[in-house]
Structures are given as C-alpha cells and as structure tokens.
Amino acid sequence: MPTHFTGTPAEVLALDTLIKLTRANNSLLARIAHRGTHPDLSVSQFGTLEALYHLGAMSQTEICSKLLKSGGNTTLVIDNLEKRGLVQRRRDTEDRRVMMVELTAAGFELISAIFPHHAQVVAEEMSVLTPEEQRTLGELCKKLGKGAAPPDASA
C-alpha cells in the first residue's frame, strides 16, 4: 500500500520506499520465523547466541551494538539465556568493571546445531533475488544505514 500523504514528489517517493522496505523486511522475517529456524528462542536470544557463536565472548555493550538493542532489553535477554544455561557472565580480566558474556557448552551446542538450518532457510528466502541483486541490495542497505553525511559546518 503506497502512502496517502500528498507532499512533495520527493517526500511521497521516500515514504513509498520506506513502506516497501519495511513490509519486505517484516514479511521476510515472518517467513523465516514460520520455518522454525530458532525454536524456543526469541529473535533477540537467537541473535545474541549467533553473535557470540561467530564473534566470541563480548561485553554486554558490544552485544547491544551488534543487535541494535537497548541495554535494558539486552540485559533481560542475557538474564534469560543465563537462566537456561546457554550463556555465562564473567568479569573481563583487563577491566574488572566490564562484564563479558560467553556461550556455555550447552549454548555452543544449541547454536551450532540450529544455525546451519537458519542459514539454509535465509539463503532459500533470498533466492528470489539473483546473486547480483542480493549484492546490490546489500550495498543499498549499507548506504541507507549509514545515512546522509552531516552538513559541512565550514560551508
């Protein structure tokens, strides 16, 4: 559904594009979730386990940054994963103020068992785009994510 806003052509185009991007993202994530790639885990829990699996132990702040989540949300996610025995917290040896989060053996076993299926499902869902279209979309998303350059203060 396009926007019903009647602004400038640039505004209408931008709003229509945002609607399409948001709907495509939501639809893709719903299809992936429907295929059960991470049973018994929330999206944030799965993302946390996946980040720790691929990147190793991280501080909670680093996890927040990777997942684009708030500190409070991430604390709750890590608390729940810790209760399930999937992650553990430990003090950083270099800076005792920092709490590191790492996978437990059970967490490693779980994420290493379910991640290959998740990767396969994502590849299948993305296959509606050619490899070149996927690369182009990736570059466009990266560009959009970085946003416009700040105005030059010296101008």
C-alpha atoms as a PDB file:
ATOM      1  CA  MET A   1       0.000   0.000   0.000  1.00  0.00           C
ATOM      2  CA  PRO A   2       1.532   3.320  -1.018  1.00  0.00           C
ATOM      3  CA  THR A   3       1.470   6.362   1.187  1.00  0.00           C
ATOM      4  CA  HIS A   4      -1.638   8.513   1.137  1.00  0.00           C
ATOM      5  CA  PHE A   5       0.407  11.579   2.042  1.00  0.00           C
ATOM      6  CA  THR A   6       0.273  14.325  -0.557  1.00  0.00           C
ATOM      7  CA  GLY A   7       3.568  16.066  -0.077  1.00  0.00           C
ATOM      8  CA  THR A   8       6.351  16.884  -2.484  1.00  0.00           C
ATOM      9  CA  PRO A   9       7.281  14.225  -5.047  1.00  0.00           C
ATOM     10  CA  ALA A  10      10.498  13.555  -3.079  1.00  0.00           C
ATOM     11  CA  GLU A  11       8.525  13.052   0.166  1.00  0.00           C
ATOM     12  CA  VAL A  12       5.970  10.744  -1.479  1.00  0.00           C
ATOM     13  CA  LEU A  13       8.733   8.675  -3.112  1.00  0.00           C
ATOM     14  CA  ALA A  14      10.676   8.433   0.157  1.00  0.00           C
ATOM     15  CA  LEU A  15       7.593   7.386   2.140  1.00  0.00           C
ATOM     16  CA  ASP A  16       6.553   4.813  -0.500  1.00  0.00           C
ATOM     17  CA  THR A  17      10.069   3.391  -0.492  1.00  0.00           C
ATOM     18  CA  LEU A  18      10.139   3.182   3.304  1.00  0.00           C
ATOM     19  CA  ILE A  19       6.782   1.386   3.324  1.00  0.00           C
ATOM     20  CA  LYS A  20       8.037  -1.157   0.776  1.00  0.00           C
ATOM     21  CA  LEU A  21      11.306  -1.675   2.667  1.00  0.00           C
ATOM     22  CA  THR A  22       9.507  -2.140   5.982  1.00  0.00           C
ATOM     23  CA  ARG A  23       6.911  -4.532   4.541  1.00  0.00           C
ATOM     24  CA  ALA A  24       9.568  -6.578   2.754  1.00  0.00           C
ATOM     25  CA  ASN A  25      11.654  -6.839   5.929  1.00  0.00           C
ATOM     26  CA  ASN A  26       8.676  -7.786   8.098  1.00  0.00           C
ATOM     27  CA  SER A  27       7.436 -10.333   5.557  1.00  0.00           C
ATOM     28  CA  LEU A  28      10.886 -11.918   5.168  1.00  0.00           C
ATOM     29  CA  LEU A  29      11.399 -12.174   8.942  1.00  0.00           C
ATOM     30  CA  ALA A  30       7.915 -13.651   9.400  1.00  0.00           C
ATOM     31  CA  ARG A  31       8.556 -16.318   6.746  1.00  0.00           C
ATOM     32  CA  ILE A  32      11.897 -17.219   8.347  1.00  0.00           C
ATOM     33  CA  ALA A  33      10.292 -17.408  11.805  1.00  0.00           C
ATOM     34  CA  HIS A  34       7.445 -19.547  10.419  1.00  0.00           C
ATOM     35  CA  ARG A  35      10.024 -22.062   9.198  1.00  0.00           C
ATOM     36  CA  GLY A  36      11.218 -22.625  12.765  1.00  0.00           C
ATOM     37  CA  THR A  37      14.884 -21.808  12.406  1.00  0.00           C
ATOM     38  CA  HIS A  38      15.270 -20.951  16.075  1.00  0.00           C
ATOM     39  CA  PRO A  39      12.680 -22.870  18.098  1.00  0.00           C
ATOM     40  CA  ASP A  40      12.175 -21.834  21.718  1.00  0.00           C
ATOM     41  CA  LEU A  41      14.309 -18.701  21.235  1.00  0.00           C
ATOM     42  CA  SER A  42      13.208 -15.113  20.690  1.00  0.00           C
ATOM     43  CA  VAL A  43      14.747 -13.207  17.800  1.00  0.00           C
ATOM     44  CA  SER A  44      16.947 -11.316  20.295  1.00  0.00           C
ATOM     45  CA  GLN A  45      18.018 -14.508  22.067  1.00  0.00           C
ATOM     46  CA  PHE A  46      18.893 -16.138  18.747  1.00  0.00           C
ATOM     47  CA  GLY A  47      20.790 -13.006  17.645  1.00  0.00           C
ATOM     48  CA  THR A  48      22.760 -12.956  20.889  1.00  0.00           C
ATOM     49  CA  LEU A  49      23.712 -16.634  20.617  1.00  0.00           C
ATOM     50  CA  GLU A  50      24.603 -16.207  16.945  1.00  0.00           C
ATOM     51  CA  ALA A  51      26.809 -13.172  17.659  1.00  0.00           C
ATOM     52  CA  LEU A  52      28.643 -14.990  20.457  1.00  0.00           C
ATOM     53  CA  TYR A  53      28.979 -18.099  18.265  1.00  0.00           C
ATOM     54  CA  HIS A  54      30.561 -16.224  15.364  1.00  0.00           C
ATOM     55  CA  LEU A  55      32.419 -13.444  17.198  1.00  0.00           C
ATOM     56  CA  GLY A  56      33.284 -14.978  20.570  1.00  0.00           C
ATOM     57  CA  ALA A  57      32.846 -13.519  24.035  1.00  0.00           C
ATOM     58  CA  MET A  58      31.703  -9.893  24.108  1.00  0.00           C
ATOM     59  CA  SER A  59      30.735  -7.272  26.616  1.00  0.00           C
ATOM     60  CA  GLN A  60      27.055  -6.549  27.006  1.00  0.00           C
ATOM     61  CA  THR A  61      27.662  -3.131  25.393  1.00  0.00           C
ATOM     62  CA  GLU A  62      29.153  -4.805  22.315  1.00  0.00           C
ATOM     63  CA  ILE A  63      26.168  -7.158  22.108  1.00  0.00           C
ATOM     64  CA  CYS A  64      23.803  -4.146  22.271  1.00  0.00           C
ATOM     65  CA  SER A  65      25.706  -2.554  19.404  1.00  0.00           C
ATOM     66  CA  LYS A  66      25.663  -5.703  17.252  1.00  0.00           C
ATOM     67  CA  LEU A  67      21.936  -6.305  17.761  1.00  0.00           C
ATOM     68  CA  LEU A  68      20.895  -2.632  17.728  1.00  0.00           C
ATOM     69  CA  LYS A  69      19.042  -3.159  21.021  1.00  0.00           C
ATOM     70  CA  SER A  70      18.868  -1.132  24.213  1.00  0.00           C
ATOM     71  CA  GLY A  71      20.907  -2.015  27.278  1.00  0.00           C
ATOM     72  CA  GLY A  72      17.791  -2.904  29.265  1.00  0.00           C
ATOM     73  CA  ASN A  73      16.497  -5.226  26.558  1.00  0.00           C
ATOM     74  CA  THR A  74      19.872  -6.917  26.217  1.00  0.00           C
ATOM     75  CA  THR A  75      20.181  -7.372  29.983  1.00  0.00           C
ATOM     76  CA  LEU A  76      16.840  -9.198  30.042  1.00  0.00           C
ATOM     77  CA  VAL A  77      17.805 -11.347  27.048  1.00  0.00           C
ATOM     78  CA  ILE A  78      21.128 -12.302  28.647  1.00  0.00           C
ATOM     79  CA  ASP A  79      19.437 -12.949  32.018  1.00  0.00           C
ATOM     80  CA  ASN A  80      17.038 -15.360  30.342  1.00  0.00           C
ATOM     81  CA  LEU A  81      19.779 -17.098  28.357  1.00  0.00           C
ATOM     82  CA  GLU A  82      21.836 -17.398  31.536  1.00  0.00           C
ATOM     83  CA  LYS A  83      18.867 -18.957  33.398  1.00  0.00           C
ATOM     84  CA  ARG A  84      18.664 -21.542  30.607  1.00  0.00           C
ATOM     85  CA  GLY A  85      22.379 -22.281  30.957  1.00  0.00           C
ATOM     86  CA  LEU A  86      23.179 -21.091  27.423  1.00  0.00           C
ATOM     87  CA  VAL A  87      25.471 -18.172  28.318  1.00  0.00           C
ATOM     88  CA  GLN A  88      27.523 -17.107  31.299  1.00  0.00           C
ATOM     89  CA  ARG A  89      28.850 -13.799  32.507  1.00  0.00           C
ATOM     90  CA  ARG A  90      32.398 -13.268  33.717  1.00  0.00           C
ATOM     91  CA  ARG A  91      34.466 -10.241  34.638  1.00  0.00           C
ATOM     92  CA  ASP A  92      36.851  -9.005  31.987  1.00  0.00           C
ATOM     93  CA  THR A  93      40.407  -9.790  33.073  1.00  0.00           C
ATOM     94  CA  GLU A  94      41.693  -6.427  31.776  1.00  0.00           C
ATOM     95  CA  ASP A  95      38.899  -4.199  33.097  1.00  0.00           C
ATOM     96  CA  ARG A  96      37.029  -5.622  36.086  1.00  0.00           C
ATOM     97  CA  ARG A  97      34.188  -3.119  35.552  1.00  0.00           C
ATOM     98  CA  VAL A  98      33.271  -4.867  32.290  1.00  0.00           C
ATOM     99  CA  MET A  99      31.113  -7.976  32.332  1.00  0.00           C
ATOM    100  CA  MET A 100      31.815 -10.334  29.456  1.00  0.00           C
ATOM    101  CA  VAL A 101      29.203 -12.716  28.076  1.00  0.00           C
ATOM    102  CA  GLU A 102      30.167 -16.042  26.542  1.00  0.00           C
ATOM    103  CA  LEU A 103      28.499 -19.207  25.376  1.00  0.00           C
ATOM    104  CA  THR A 104      28.388 -22.182  27.695  1.00  0.00           C
ATOM    105  CA  ALA A 105      28.925 -25.667  26.284  1.00  0.00           C
ATOM    106  CA  ALA A 106      25.133 -26.058  26.108  1.00  0.00           C
ATOM    107  CA  GLY A 107      24.801 -22.719  24.321  1.00  0.00           C
ATOM    108  CA  PHE A 108      27.503 -23.631  21.832  1.00  0.00           C
ATOM    109  CA  GLU A 109      25.867 -27.000  21.209  1.00  0.00           C
ATOM    110  CA  LEU A 110      22.456 -25.411  20.632  1.00  0.00           C
ATOM    111  CA  ILE A 111      23.525 -22.623  18.282  1.00  0.00           C
ATOM    112  CA  SER A 112      25.898 -24.843  16.309  1.00  0.00           C
ATOM    113  CA  ALA A 113      23.055 -27.321  15.804  1.00  0.00           C
ATOM    114  CA  ILE A 114      20.414 -24.802  14.673  1.00  0.00           C
ATOM    115  CA  PHE A 115      22.449 -22.206  12.784  1.00  0.00           C
ATOM    116  CA  PRO A 116      23.084 -24.276   9.617  1.00  0.00           C
ATOM    117  CA  HIS A 117      19.313 -24.718   9.108  1.00  0.00           C
ATOM    118  CA  HIS A 118      18.787 -20.986   9.698  1.00  0.00           C
ATOM    119  CA  ALA A 119      21.466 -20.124   7.106  1.00  0.00           C
ATOM    120  CA  GLN A 120      19.852 -22.540   4.614  1.00  0.00           C
ATOM    121  CA  VAL A 121      16.395 -21.017   5.124  1.00  0.00           C
ATOM    122  CA  VAL A 122      17.743 -17.473   4.734  1.00  0.00           C
ATOM    123  CA  ALA A 123      19.507 -18.480   1.508  1.00  0.00           C
ATOM    124  CA  GLU A 124      16.291 -20.062   0.199  1.00  0.00           C
ATOM    125  CA  GLU A 125      14.228 -16.977   1.063  1.00  0.00           C
ATOM    126  CA  MET A 126      16.782 -14.642  -0.509  1.00  0.00           C
ATOM    127  CA  SER A 127      16.961 -16.754  -3.680  1.00  0.00           C
ATOM    128  CA  VAL A 128      14.047 -14.758  -5.164  1.00  0.00           C
ATOM    129  CA  LEU A 129      16.825 -12.260  -5.882  1.00  0.00           C
ATOM    130  CA  THR A 130      19.756 -13.080  -8.145  1.00  0.00           C
ATOM    131  CA  PRO A 131      23.199 -13.054  -6.528  1.00  0.00           C
ATOM    132  CA  GLU A 132      23.850  -9.676  -8.178  1.00  0.00           C
ATOM    133  CA  GLU A 133      20.539  -8.290  -6.868  1.00  0.00           C
ATOM    134  CA  GLN A 134      21.454  -9.535  -3.380  1.00  0.00           C
ATOM    135  CA  ARG A 135      24.819  -7.752  -3.564  1.00  0.00           C
ATOM    136  CA  THR A 136      23.142  -4.571  -4.834  1.00  0.00           C
ATOM    137  CA  LEU A 137      20.503  -4.712  -2.106  1.00  0.00           C
ATOM    138  CA  GLY A 138      23.231  -5.250   0.475  1.00  0.00           C
ATOM    139  CA  GLU A 139      25.135  -2.194  -0.742  1.00  0.00           C
ATOM    140  CA  LEU A 140      21.989  -0.074  -0.828  1.00  0.00           C
ATOM    141  CA  CYS A 141      21.031  -1.147   2.698  1.00  0.00           C
ATOM    142  CA  LYS A 142      24.544  -0.362   3.917  1.00  0.00           C
ATOM    143  CA  LYS A 143      24.383   3.081   2.296  1.00  0.00           C
ATOM    144  CA  LEU A 144      20.941   3.756   3.766  1.00  0.00           C
ATOM    145  CA  GLY A 145      22.053   2.516   7.185  1.00  0.00           C
ATOM    146  CA  LYS A 146      24.947   4.954   7.255  1.00  0.00           C
ATOM    147  CA  GLY A 147      22.629   7.835   6.388  1.00  0.00           C
ATOM    148  CA  ALA A 148      23.399  11.167   4.813  1.00  0.00           C
ATOM    149  CA  ALA A 149      26.687  12.835   5.503  1.00  0.00           C
ATOM    150  CA  PRO A 150      26.376  15.592   8.115  1.00  0.00           C
ATOM    151  CA  PRO A 151      26.226  19.085   6.634  1.00  0.00           C
ATOM    152  CA  ASP A 152      29.605  20.708   6.196  1.00  0.00           C
ATOM    153  CA  ALA A 153      29.963  23.207   9.052  1.00  0.00           C
ATOM    154  CA  SER A 154      32.511  25.289   7.095  1.00  0.00           C
ATOM    155  CA  ALA A 155      30.113  25.963   4.209  1.00  0.00           C
END
